[in-house]
Amino acid sequence: MQPSSWHGVTTVVMGNCGVGFAPCREDDHDRLIRLMEGVEDIPFPVLAEGLPWNWNSYPDYLDSLADRPFDVDIGSQLPHAAVRVFVMGERGANREPATEADIIKMQEITKEAMEAGALGFSTSRTLNHRTSDGQPTPTLTASEDELLGIALGLKAANKGVLQFVSDFTDAKAEFEMLRRLVEKSGRPLSFSLLQSPMSSGGWRRQLQALDEANAAGLVMKGQVRGPARWTRIRL
């Protein structure tokens, strides 16, 4: 963390895009590493050798972080991919539909994570996120029922933010679903505001849908990166 703190960064929030390492069963260590390797381009050996894996549940993971000193403040979100694989195993990794029992278990894990100190829950619905061997992220086609069950876990804990990244292939249907999740859970939501070259002006439609949601009293925000700082040197 030191180079970031040298440049003025004081806080790091991790667990974006539904990828992370908790909760996790011992048999799934490599599976979650391959997903992180593919999404964030961090080599497998670095993660395999650097992670202590002295946790199973998400609260255990936060305890592990708390035992280590850091140069910056750290916040963590509950990653959907880890939760799905933890509950469903191979079925979750293969993007099979979650059963009612699966959803109830995910909801319980989510509530427990929020109460333990998670800042929120994150998920990915984009084909850009793949494992290092090319498989789509386990959360790509998660149903609205599954997402709602998880959102209700945040509601039960009365804390936490929902964070989404999506291709918005069917932007109207996707936004209608996001609105229902916020309406039924009462929790705020943010999504990555992106422009795809395959959808001219998509960012404008996303902002319009966002304005309409907020006008209706829903707390929804678009998430963007800040401008990079640079200096022009004349020679």
Protein backbone atom coordinates (compact mmCIF):
# COMPACT_ATOMS: atom_id res chain seq x y z
CA MET A 1 0.00 0.00 0.00
CA GLN A 2 2.96 2.31 0.56
CA PRO A 3 3.33 3.76 -2.96
CA SER A 4 -0.35 4.79 -2.93
CA SER A 5 -0.01 6.52 0.44
CA TRP A 6 3.07 8.36 -0.83
CA HIS A 7 0.82 9.85 -3.52
CA GLY A 8 -1.80 11.04 -1.06
CA VAL A 9 -4.21 8.10 -1.07
CA THR A 10 -5.67 7.69 2.42
CA THR A 11 -8.41 5.08 1.85
CA VAL A 12 -8.77 1.93 -0.23
CA VAL A 13 -12.10 0.19 -0.89
CA MET A 14 -11.76 -3.30 -2.32
CA GLY A 15 -14.12 -6.03 -3.41
CA ASN A 16 -15.41 -4.22 -6.48
CA CYS A 17 -16.94 -6.02 -9.46
CA GLY A 18 -17.99 -9.04 -7.43
CA VAL A 19 -14.48 -10.51 -7.11
CA GLY A 20 -12.64 -11.24 -3.89
CA PHE A 21 -11.49 -13.99 -1.57
CA ALA A 22 -14.12 -14.34 1.13
CA PRO A 23 -16.10 -16.28 2.02
CA CYS A 24 -14.15 -19.22 0.66
CA ARG A 25 -13.78 -22.94 1.24
CA GLU A 26 -10.31 -24.49 1.07
CA ASP A 27 -11.14 -26.38 -2.14
CA ASP A 28 -12.03 -23.13 -3.92
CA HIS A 29 -8.83 -21.14 -3.32
CA ASP A 30 -7.48 -21.70 -6.83
CA ARG A 31 -10.88 -21.01 -8.41
CA LEU A 32 -11.12 -17.54 -6.85
CA ILE A 33 -7.49 -16.81 -7.66
CA ARG A 34 -8.05 -17.63 -11.34
CA LEU A 35 -11.01 -15.25 -11.39
CA MET A 36 -8.99 -12.43 -9.82
CA GLU A 37 -6.09 -13.20 -12.16
CA GLY A 38 -8.37 -12.80 -15.16
CA VAL A 39 -10.24 -9.71 -13.99
CA GLU A 40 -7.36 -7.75 -12.46
CA ASP A 41 -4.38 -9.26 -14.34
CA ILE A 42 -2.54 -10.22 -11.14
CA PRO A 43 -0.40 -13.34 -11.79
CA PHE A 44 -1.57 -16.56 -10.14
CA PRO A 45 1.77 -17.21 -8.31
CA VAL A 46 1.68 -13.77 -6.67
CA LEU A 47 -1.77 -14.38 -5.22
CA ALA A 48 -1.17 -18.04 -4.37
CA GLU A 49 1.98 -17.24 -2.43
CA GLY A 50 0.82 -13.96 -0.92
CA LEU A 51 -2.58 -14.92 0.50
CA PRO A 52 -2.46 -16.49 3.99
CA TRP A 53 -5.93 -18.05 3.63
CA ASN A 54 -6.45 -17.93 7.39
CA TRP A 55 -10.18 -17.40 6.98
CA ASN A 56 -13.30 -19.19 5.84
CA SER A 57 -16.17 -16.81 6.51
CA TYR A 58 -16.29 -13.13 5.62
CA PRO A 59 -16.09 -12.01 9.28
CA ASP A 60 -12.97 -14.19 9.60
CA TYR A 61 -11.53 -12.38 6.58
CA LEU A 62 -12.09 -8.97 8.17
CA ASP A 63 -10.43 -10.24 11.35
CA SER A 64 -7.43 -11.34 9.28
CA LEU A 65 -7.16 -7.86 7.76
CA ALA A 66 -7.49 -6.23 11.17
CA ASP A 67 -4.49 -8.20 12.44
CA ARG A 68 -2.18 -6.56 9.87
CA PRO A 69 -0.86 -2.98 9.79
CA PHE A 70 -1.54 -0.89 6.68
CA ASP A 71 -0.44 2.55 5.53
CA VAL A 72 -4.01 3.50 4.56
CA ASP A 73 -7.53 2.91 5.81
CA ILE A 74 -9.18 -0.14 4.23
CA GLY A 75 -12.82 -0.89 3.48
CA SER A 76 -14.12 -4.09 1.92
CA GLN A 77 -17.22 -5.10 -0.01
CA LEU A 78 -18.75 -8.58 -0.05
CA PRO A 79 -18.02 -10.06 -3.52
CA HIS A 80 -20.87 -11.91 -5.22
CA ALA A 81 -18.63 -14.43 -7.02
CA ALA A 82 -17.10 -15.61 -3.76
CA VAL A 83 -20.51 -15.89 -2.08
CA ARG A 84 -22.00 -17.79 -5.03
CA VAL A 85 -19.15 -20.31 -5.19
CA PHE A 86 -19.15 -20.70 -1.40
CA VAL A 87 -22.86 -21.56 -1.37
CA MET A 88 -23.25 -23.42 -4.67
CA GLY A 89 -19.81 -24.86 -5.41
CA GLU A 90 -19.38 -26.07 -8.98
CA ARG A 91 -22.98 -25.11 -9.80
CA GLY A 92 -22.23 -21.53 -8.87
CA ALA A 93 -19.02 -21.38 -10.88
CA ASN A 94 -20.90 -22.79 -13.89
CA ARG A 95 -23.57 -20.07 -13.59
CA GLU A 96 -26.43 -22.48 -12.91
CA PRO A 97 -29.60 -20.92 -11.45
CA ALA A 98 -29.63 -20.58 -7.67
CA THR A 99 -32.31 -22.54 -5.82
CA GLU A 100 -34.50 -21.02 -3.13
CA ALA A 101 -32.29 -22.66 -0.50
CA ASP A 102 -29.18 -21.22 -2.17
CA ILE A 103 -30.67 -17.72 -2.12
CA ILE A 104 -31.64 -17.97 1.55
CA LYS A 105 -28.07 -18.99 2.41
CA MET A 106 -26.63 -16.10 0.36
CA GLN A 107 -28.97 -13.72 2.15
CA GLU A 108 -27.77 -14.99 5.53
CA ILE A 109 -24.11 -14.60 4.52
CA THR A 110 -24.80 -11.08 3.27
CA LYS A 111 -26.49 -10.01 6.49
CA GLU A 112 -23.64 -11.48 8.52
CA ALA A 113 -21.05 -9.69 6.38
CA MET A 114 -22.75 -6.30 6.69
CA GLU A 115 -23.02 -6.69 10.45
CA ALA A 116 -19.34 -7.66 10.61
CA GLY A 117 -18.29 -4.44 8.86
CA ALA A 118 -18.62 -4.86 5.08
CA LEU A 119 -19.31 -1.58 3.30
CA GLY A 120 -21.62 -3.23 0.81
CA PHE A 121 -22.11 -5.95 -1.79
CA SER A 122 -20.72 -5.99 -5.33
CA THR A 123 -21.54 -7.99 -8.43
CA SER A 124 -20.55 -8.18 -12.10
CA ARG A 125 -22.79 -8.68 -15.11
CA THR A 126 -20.25 -8.03 -17.85
CA LEU A 127 -18.53 -10.38 -20.28
CA ASN A 128 -15.36 -8.34 -19.81
CA HIS A 129 -14.86 -10.12 -16.49
CA ARG A 130 -13.51 -13.62 -17.04
CA THR A 131 -11.28 -16.10 -15.29
CA SER A 132 -7.70 -16.47 -16.54
CA ASP A 133 -8.80 -19.56 -18.48
CA GLY A 134 -11.55 -17.63 -20.26
CA GLN A 135 -14.67 -18.59 -18.30
CA PRO A 136 -17.24 -15.83 -17.61
CA THR A 137 -17.56 -14.63 -14.04
CA PRO A 138 -19.92 -16.85 -11.98
CA THR A 139 -22.29 -13.93 -11.42
CA LEU A 140 -22.83 -12.99 -15.08
CA THR A 141 -26.35 -14.39 -15.42
CA ALA A 142 -27.52 -14.37 -11.80
CA SER A 143 -31.30 -14.02 -11.67
CA GLU A 144 -33.22 -11.10 -10.24
CA ASP A 145 -34.52 -13.42 -7.51
CA GLU A 146 -30.95 -14.17 -6.45
CA LEU A 147 -29.94 -10.51 -6.48
CA LEU A 148 -33.06 -9.51 -4.58
CA GLY A 149 -32.43 -12.15 -1.94
CA ILE A 150 -28.96 -10.72 -1.42
CA ALA A 151 -30.26 -7.14 -1.39
CA LEU A 152 -32.74 -8.15 1.31
CA GLY A 153 -29.76 -9.34 3.33
CA LEU A 154 -28.53 -5.75 3.31
CA LYS A 155 -32.00 -4.60 4.27
CA ALA A 156 -32.08 -7.00 7.22
CA ALA A 157 -28.74 -5.59 8.42
CA ASN A 158 -29.96 -2.03 7.69
CA LYS A 159 -26.61 -1.12 6.16
CA GLY A 160 -24.51 -1.52 3.04
CA VAL A 161 -24.42 -0.30 -0.57
CA LEU A 162 -25.24 -2.35 -3.68
CA GLN A 163 -22.58 -2.02 -6.38
CA PHE A 164 -23.07 -3.23 -9.97
CA VAL A 165 -21.07 -3.36 -13.17
CA SER A 166 -23.03 -4.38 -16.26
CA ASP A 167 -22.80 -4.43 -20.04
CA PHE A 168 -26.33 -2.97 -20.15
CA THR A 169 -27.01 -5.03 -23.26
CA ASP A 170 -30.72 -4.44 -22.66
CA ALA A 171 -30.33 -1.16 -20.79
CA LYS A 172 -34.06 -0.61 -20.22
CA ALA A 173 -34.65 -4.04 -18.67
CA GLU A 174 -31.45 -3.84 -16.62
CA PHE A 175 -32.35 -0.46 -15.16
CA GLU A 176 -35.87 -1.58 -14.35
CA MET A 177 -34.37 -4.48 -12.39
CA LEU A 178 -31.93 -2.23 -10.54
CA ARG A 179 -34.77 0.08 -9.59
CA ARG A 180 -36.79 -2.82 -8.21
CA LEU A 181 -33.82 -3.95 -6.12
CA VAL A 182 -33.49 -0.50 -4.59
CA GLU A 183 -37.24 -0.12 -4.08
CA LYS A 184 -37.60 -3.47 -2.31
CA SER A 185 -34.41 -3.33 -0.25
CA GLY A 186 -34.30 0.35 0.58
CA ARG A 187 -30.51 0.28 0.12
CA PRO A 188 -28.52 2.73 -2.05
CA LEU A 189 -26.99 1.49 -5.28
CA SER A 190 -24.10 2.54 -7.50
CA PHE A 191 -23.13 1.23 -10.93
CA SER A 192 -20.14 1.74 -13.19
CA LEU A 193 -21.09 4.39 -15.75
CA LEU A 194 -19.50 3.14 -18.96
CA GLN A 195 -19.64 3.83 -22.67
CA SER A 196 -19.46 0.83 -24.98
CA PRO A 197 -18.37 1.35 -28.60
CA MET A 198 -21.25 -0.98 -29.52
CA SER A 199 -23.86 1.40 -28.07
CA SER A 200 -23.55 4.96 -29.30
CA GLY A 201 -24.69 7.45 -26.66
CA GLY A 202 -25.26 4.73 -24.09
CA TRP A 203 -23.85 6.87 -21.30
CA ARG A 204 -26.50 9.52 -21.96
CA ARG A 205 -29.29 6.96 -21.65
CA GLN A 206 -27.75 5.67 -18.43
CA LEU A 207 -27.66 9.19 -16.98
CA GLN A 208 -31.24 9.82 -18.05
CA ALA A 209 -32.41 6.62 -16.36
CA LEU A 210 -30.42 7.65 -13.30
CA ASP A 211 -32.10 11.07 -13.19
CA GLU A 212 -35.52 9.45 -13.43
CA ALA A 213 -34.74 7.01 -10.61
CA ASN A 214 -33.51 9.75 -8.29
CA ALA A 215 -36.50 11.92 -9.14
CA ALA A 216 -38.66 9.02 -7.96
CA GLY A 217 -36.84 9.03 -4.62
CA LEU A 218 -34.45 6.14 -5.24
CA VAL A 219 -30.83 6.52 -4.15
CA MET A 220 -28.85 5.46 -7.22
CA LYS A 221 -25.55 6.86 -8.45
CA GLY A 222 -23.25 6.44 -11.43
CA GLN A 223 -19.65 5.61 -10.55
CA VAL A 224 -16.82 7.02 -12.69
CA ARG A 225 -13.08 7.33 -12.35
CA GLY A 226 -11.60 10.72 -11.68
CA PRO A 227 -9.38 12.42 -14.26
CA ALA A 228 -5.76 11.33 -14.27
CA ARG A 229 -3.31 13.98 -13.17
CA TRP A 230 -0.57 14.75 -15.64
CA THR A 231 1.92 17.47 -16.44
CA ARG A 232 2.83 18.81 -19.87
CA ILE A 233 6.52 19.53 -20.25
CA ARG A 234 7.74 21.86 -22.97
CA LEU A 235 11.09 20.96 -24.44
